[in-house]
C-alpha cells in the first residue's frame, strides 16, 4: 500500500525530474555551420597579380580562413616557393587547402610533392573541355585515376572540377555520370560547382546524395532569377543570397554527405569590385542558417 510518506517522496522525485526532462525535450538542436569558409583566388586574380601580400591580408582581415589557388602565369604559388607562399598565407590567418592545376603526369608528380610538402589537401583538375564522344570521357577517367594515384603516393588527394560541359549530353549520356562511374573513388574526388550544375538544369542535391561522399569540395556563387542572354559577357552569376540557389538547404545536405571544403568563387561583379564581392559573399555565409 502506498503510504503518505512514500507518495510525497515519489511526487517530489517526479517534480525534480520534470525540469531536466523538459530541458532535454525542448532544447534546440545544435546549429549546423560550415567548418570554415574559403575563397578561390581566381576571383581576385587581378588584385593578386598586383599585390599578393596585400590581397591575402585583406582576405584574412575579412574573415576568410582558407584559400584555393590555381595554375596562373606565376604558377600555383604566385612566383614564390611553396614554403614562401604558404608562410604568407599563414601569416594572414589563411590555410592553403588546394589548387586547381592542369598538367601531364610528370608535372603532377612534381607539383604534388611540393603541395604535400606544405600540407595542402588537394590538387584539382579544372578543365578538359567538351569532347566529341563519350569514349573520350572514359579515357579521361583513366587519366584521372592515374593522377589520383600520383597524388595519393605523394600524400594528398586529387579531385576534378566539372564546369558546364560535363552536364551536357554526349551520345545520350551525361559525361559527369560517366566520369563518376569510371573513376576510382579511392583516387578521385569531385568539386561541386553549384552554379554550373544549376544552370545546366541538374540538381546538385541529387549528385551529392547519390555519390556520397565523393563531392568533398565546392565552389559557391548564385544564379540570377532572370537569366542573361546565352554567351553574355557577364554570365548569369550574382552574389550569394541574391539569386535562386537554395544554399541553406544544399549546404546542409553537403555537410551531411561528407563535403569538407567550401570556396567562394564569384565571376560577375555588378557595381562592386572583386574584393567587395568577396566581403558580401563571406558575410552571407557567416550568417547563413543551414536547414
Protein backbone atom coordinates (compact mmCIF):
# COMPACT_ATOMS: atom_id res chain seq x y z
CA UNK A 1 0.00 0.00 0.00
CA UNK A 2 1.28 3.44 -0.82
CA UNK A 3 1.81 5.47 2.32
CA UNK A 4 1.52 9.22 2.54
CA UNK A 5 5.26 9.45 3.15
CA UNK A 6 6.14 7.33 0.05
CA UNK A 7 3.61 9.27 -2.08
CA UNK A 8 5.19 12.59 -1.11
CA UNK A 9 8.68 11.17 -1.74
CA UNK A 10 7.78 9.84 -5.20
CA UNK A 11 5.94 13.02 -6.13
CA UNK A 12 8.94 15.10 -5.08
CA UNK A 13 11.29 12.98 -7.20
CA UNK A 14 8.99 13.36 -10.20
CA UNK A 15 8.87 17.12 -9.71
CA UNK A 16 12.64 17.30 -9.59
CA UNK A 17 12.94 15.30 -12.79
CA UNK A 18 10.49 17.40 -14.83
CA UNK A 19 12.71 20.45 -15.39
CA UNK A 20 15.51 18.21 -16.69
CA UNK A 21 13.10 16.27 -18.85
CA UNK A 22 11.60 19.45 -20.26
CA UNK A 23 15.04 20.92 -20.86
CA UNK A 24 16.19 17.89 -22.85
CA UNK A 25 12.93 17.55 -24.75
CA UNK A 26 12.68 21.13 -25.89
CA UNK A 27 16.35 22.02 -26.17
CA UNK A 28 17.27 23.48 -29.53
CA UNK A 29 19.29 21.17 -31.76
CA UNK A 30 22.89 22.27 -32.38
CA UNK A 31 23.23 24.92 -35.07
CA UNK A 32 24.81 23.44 -38.20
CA UNK A 33 27.53 25.68 -39.61
CA UNK A 34 30.25 25.44 -42.23
CA UNK A 35 33.53 24.30 -40.67
CA UNK A 36 35.42 27.08 -42.48
CA UNK A 37 34.92 29.50 -45.36
CA UNK A 38 37.42 29.72 -48.20
CA UNK A 39 37.86 31.62 -51.44
CA UNK A 40 39.21 30.62 -54.85
CA UNK A 41 41.95 33.13 -55.66
CA UNK A 42 40.94 33.33 -59.32
CA UNK A 43 38.09 35.53 -58.10
CA UNK A 44 40.63 38.18 -57.08
CA UNK A 45 43.26 37.36 -59.69
CA UNK A 46 43.89 40.95 -60.75
CA UNK A 47 44.45 42.02 -57.16
CA UNK A 48 46.72 39.02 -56.57
CA UNK A 49 48.76 39.81 -59.69
CA UNK A 50 49.38 43.36 -58.44
CA UNK A 51 49.84 42.72 -54.74
CA UNK A 52 49.60 39.16 -53.45
CA UNK A 53 50.65 40.06 -49.92
CA UNK A 54 48.19 42.94 -49.65
CA UNK A 55 45.37 40.92 -51.17
CA UNK A 56 45.85 37.98 -48.81
CA UNK A 57 45.99 40.44 -45.91
CA UNK A 58 42.61 41.89 -46.91
CA UNK A 59 41.05 38.43 -47.28
CA UNK A 60 42.34 37.42 -43.86
CA UNK A 61 41.02 40.60 -42.24
CA UNK A 62 37.59 39.98 -43.79
CA UNK A 63 37.43 36.64 -42.01
CA UNK A 64 38.29 34.08 -44.65
CA UNK A 65 40.33 31.22 -43.20
CA UNK A 66 41.02 29.04 -46.26
CA UNK A 67 42.18 29.65 -49.84
CA UNK A 68 42.33 27.70 -53.07
CA UNK A 69 44.91 28.68 -55.67
CA UNK A 70 45.11 27.97 -59.40
CA UNK A 71 47.73 27.49 -62.08
CA UNK A 72 48.10 31.00 -63.44
CA UNK A 73 51.05 32.63 -65.22
CA UNK A 74 53.07 32.63 -61.99
CA UNK A 75 52.12 29.10 -61.01
CA UNK A 76 50.05 27.95 -58.05
CA UNK A 77 52.48 29.62 -55.61
CA UNK A 78 52.35 33.03 -57.33
CA UNK A 79 56.03 33.23 -58.27
CA UNK A 80 57.19 32.21 -54.79
CA UNK A 81 58.45 28.92 -53.46
CA UNK A 82 55.84 26.66 -51.95
CA UNK A 83 57.03 27.45 -48.43
CA UNK A 84 57.23 31.21 -49.04
CA UNK A 85 53.66 31.37 -50.33
CA UNK A 86 52.38 29.10 -47.59
CA UNK A 87 54.00 31.29 -44.94
CA UNK A 88 52.47 34.41 -46.48
CA UNK A 89 49.05 32.78 -46.34
CA UNK A 90 49.53 31.54 -42.77
CA UNK A 91 50.73 34.96 -41.61
CA UNK A 92 47.35 36.32 -42.67
CA UNK A 93 45.31 33.61 -40.97
CA UNK A 94 44.78 31.65 -44.18
CA UNK A 95 45.30 27.96 -44.86
CA UNK A 96 46.16 26.90 -48.41
CA UNK A 97 43.89 23.89 -48.82
CA UNK A 98 44.02 23.18 -52.54
CA UNK A 99 44.85 24.40 -56.00
CA UNK A 100 43.49 23.95 -59.48
CA UNK A 101 46.22 22.54 -61.68
CA UNK A 102 46.26 21.05 -65.18
CA UNK A 103 49.31 19.21 -66.38
CA UNK A 104 50.75 15.91 -67.52
CA UNK A 105 51.84 13.08 -65.22
CA UNK A 106 55.37 14.43 -64.81
CA UNK A 107 54.07 17.87 -63.86
CA UNK A 108 51.54 16.33 -61.48
CA UNK A 109 54.27 14.34 -59.79
CA UNK A 110 56.40 17.43 -59.21
CA UNK A 111 53.51 19.67 -58.12
CA UNK A 112 52.01 17.02 -55.85
CA UNK A 113 55.31 16.71 -53.99
CA UNK A 114 55.52 20.48 -53.49
CA UNK A 115 51.89 20.65 -52.37
CA UNK A 116 52.21 17.79 -49.91
CA UNK A 117 55.39 19.33 -48.51
CA UNK A 118 53.38 22.26 -47.12
CA UNK A 119 50.36 20.27 -46.02
CA UNK A 120 47.95 21.01 -48.86
CA UNK A 121 44.99 18.63 -49.08
CA UNK A 122 44.09 18.59 -52.79
CA UNK A 123 45.21 19.15 -56.37
CA UNK A 124 42.16 19.68 -58.57
CA UNK A 125 41.95 19.26 -62.34
CA UNK A 126 39.87 22.20 -63.55
CA UNK A 127 39.23 21.78 -67.27
CA UNK A 128 39.21 19.20 -70.03
CA UNK A 129 36.68 20.86 -72.28
CA UNK A 130 33.90 19.35 -74.40
CA UNK A 131 34.73 16.07 -76.15
CA UNK A 132 33.49 14.63 -79.44
CA UNK A 133 32.21 11.37 -77.98
CA UNK A 134 31.56 9.65 -74.66
CA UNK A 135 34.53 7.32 -75.15
CA UNK A 136 36.79 10.35 -74.77
CA UNK A 137 35.38 10.92 -71.29
CA UNK A 138 36.05 7.29 -70.42
CA UNK A 139 39.70 7.83 -71.39
CA UNK A 140 39.76 10.97 -69.26
CA UNK A 141 38.50 8.90 -66.32
CA UNK A 142 41.51 6.57 -66.72
CA UNK A 143 43.79 9.62 -66.81
CA UNK A 144 42.21 10.97 -63.63
CA UNK A 145 42.74 7.64 -61.88
CA UNK A 146 46.44 7.93 -62.72
CA UNK A 147 46.61 11.48 -61.39
CA UNK A 148 44.81 10.36 -58.25
CA UNK A 149 47.33 7.59 -57.68
CA UNK A 150 50.18 10.09 -58.09
CA UNK A 151 48.62 12.43 -55.55
CA UNK A 152 47.98 9.63 -53.08
CA UNK A 153 51.57 8.43 -53.39
CA UNK A 154 52.75 11.94 -52.52
CA UNK A 155 50.45 12.36 -49.55
CA UNK A 156 47.48 14.38 -50.80
CA UNK A 157 44.25 13.90 -52.74
CA UNK A 158 43.09 14.51 -56.30
CA UNK A 159 39.74 15.91 -57.42
CA UNK A 160 38.02 17.00 -60.63
CA UNK A 161 36.07 20.25 -61.01
CA UNK A 162 33.21 19.93 -63.55
CA UNK A 163 32.22 23.08 -65.42
CA UNK A 164 29.15 23.20 -67.65
CA UNK A 165 30.11 20.73 -70.39
CA UNK A 166 30.00 17.52 -68.26
CA UNK A 167 26.29 18.19 -67.70
CA UNK A 168 25.55 18.39 -71.43
CA UNK A 169 24.50 15.10 -73.09
CA UNK A 170 27.04 13.35 -75.33
CA UNK A 171 25.97 10.20 -77.20
CA UNK A 172 22.87 10.06 -75.00
CA UNK A 173 24.81 10.16 -71.73
CA UNK A 174 25.92 12.85 -69.30
CA UNK A 175 29.73 12.97 -69.12
CA UNK A 176 29.56 13.73 -65.38
CA UNK A 177 27.82 10.36 -64.86
CA UNK A 178 30.46 8.58 -66.93
CA UNK A 179 33.30 10.25 -65.04
CA UNK A 180 31.80 9.37 -61.67
CA UNK A 181 31.20 5.76 -62.75
CA UNK A 182 34.63 5.23 -64.31
CA UNK A 183 36.90 6.89 -61.77
CA UNK A 184 38.13 5.03 -58.70
CA UNK A 185 36.63 6.52 -55.54
CA UNK A 186 39.87 5.69 -53.75
CA UNK A 187 41.78 8.06 -56.01
CA UNK A 188 39.33 10.64 -57.41
CA UNK A 189 37.06 13.05 -55.55
CA UNK A 190 34.92 15.80 -57.09
CA UNK A 191 34.40 19.52 -56.54
CA UNK A 192 30.78 20.59 -56.97
CA UNK A 193 30.30 23.92 -58.76
CA UNK A 194 26.73 24.72 -57.79
CA UNK A 195 26.45 27.43 -60.42
CA UNK A 196 27.13 25.18 -63.40
CA UNK A 197 25.09 22.28 -62.07
CA UNK A 198 22.04 24.52 -61.65
CA UNK A 199 22.43 26.50 -64.89
CA UNK A 200 22.67 23.22 -66.83
CA UNK A 201 19.36 22.10 -65.35
CA UNK A 202 20.67 19.44 -62.98
CA UNK A 203 20.03 19.02 -59.25
CA UNK A 204 23.16 19.37 -57.07
CA UNK A 205 21.48 17.58 -54.17
CA UNK A 206 20.83 14.50 -56.28
CA UNK A 207 24.51 14.18 -57.19
CA UNK A 208 25.77 14.89 -53.68
CA UNK A 209 23.49 12.25 -52.17
CA UNK A 210 23.81 9.62 -54.88
CA UNK A 211 27.60 9.70 -54.92
CA UNK A 212 28.17 10.49 -51.25
CA UNK A 213 30.85 11.20 -50.09
CA UNK A 214 32.71 11.86 -53.36
CA UNK A 215 31.88 15.58 -53.60
CA UNK A 216 34.39 16.73 -50.98
CA UNK A 217 34.78 20.36 -52.10
CA UNK A 218 32.65 23.01 -53.76
CA UNK A 219 32.56 26.43 -55.41
CA UNK A 220 29.88 28.89 -54.33
CA UNK A 221 28.11 31.61 -56.32
CA UNK A 222 24.46 32.25 -57.09
CA UNK A 223 22.33 32.32 -60.25
CA UNK A 224 20.23 35.29 -61.31
CA UNK A 225 16.47 34.70 -61.33
CA UNK A 226 16.28 36.48 -64.68
CA UNK A 227 18.95 34.74 -66.73
CA UNK A 228 21.11 36.88 -69.00
CA UNK A 229 21.28 36.01 -72.72
CA UNK A 230 23.40 32.99 -73.62
CA UNK A 231 27.01 33.99 -74.18
CA UNK A 232 26.63 37.20 -72.21
CA UNK A 233 29.99 38.59 -71.17
CA UNK A 234 28.79 38.91 -67.59
CA UNK A 235 27.23 35.40 -67.46
CA UNK A 236 24.26 34.99 -65.08
CA UNK A 237 26.08 34.89 -61.74
CA UNK A 238 25.30 37.04 -58.72
CA UNK A 239 26.40 37.28 -55.11
CA UNK A 240 25.25 34.60 -52.71
CA UNK A 241 21.74 35.09 -51.39
CA UNK A 242 20.72 37.30 -54.31
CA UNK A 243 19.69 34.51 -56.67
CA UNK A 244 17.73 31.29 -56.91
CA UNK A 245 20.01 28.66 -55.33
CA UNK A 246 18.73 27.33 -52.01
CA UNK A 247 22.06 27.34 -50.19
CA UNK A 248 20.65 26.94 -46.65
CA UNK A 249 19.32 23.53 -47.67
CA UNK A 250 22.02 22.48 -50.16
CA UNK A 251 24.94 23.21 -47.85
CA UNK A 252 23.21 21.34 -45.04
CA UNK A 253 22.90 18.35 -47.38
CA UNK A 254 26.53 18.75 -48.37
CA UNK A 255 27.70 18.59 -44.75
CA UNK A 256 25.56 15.51 -44.16
CA UNK A 257 27.22 13.79 -47.12
CA UNK A 258 30.90 14.36 -46.47
CA UNK A 259 31.67 17.72 -48.06
CA UNK A 260 34.59 19.37 -46.26
CA UNK A 261 35.77 22.47 -48.14
CA UNK A 262 33.72 25.47 -49.30
CA UNK A 263 35.16 28.15 -51.60
CA UNK A 264 33.51 31.37 -52.76
CA UNK A 265 34.15 31.99 -56.47
CA UNK A 266 32.21 34.90 -57.91
CA UNK A 267 32.53 35.58 -61.65
CA UNK A 268 30.30 38.63 -62.20
CA UNK A 269 30.82 41.89 -60.37
CA UNK A 270 27.91 44.30 -60.62
CA UNK A 271 28.64 47.76 -59.20
CA UNK A 272 31.35 46.26 -56.96
CA UNK A 273 34.99 45.20 -57.04
CA UNK A 274 36.04 41.56 -56.63
CA UNK A 275 37.20 42.28 -53.08
CA UNK A 276 33.91 43.98 -52.24
CA UNK A 277 32.08 40.96 -53.63
CA UNK A 278 34.31 38.69 -51.54
CA UNK A 279 33.13 40.52 -48.41
CA UNK A 280 29.46 40.35 -49.42
CA UNK A 281 29.67 36.61 -50.04
CA UNK A 282 31.58 35.96 -46.83
CA UNK A 283 29.04 37.88 -44.74
CA UNK A 284 26.22 35.87 -46.30
CA UNK A 285 27.87 32.55 -45.43
CA UNK A 286 28.76 33.68 -41.91
CA UNK A 287 25.11 34.50 -41.19
CA UNK A 288 23.63 31.56 -43.08
CA UNK A 289 21.34 29.25 -41.10
CA UNK A 290 21.56 25.77 -42.57
CA UNK A 291 18.33 23.76 -42.66
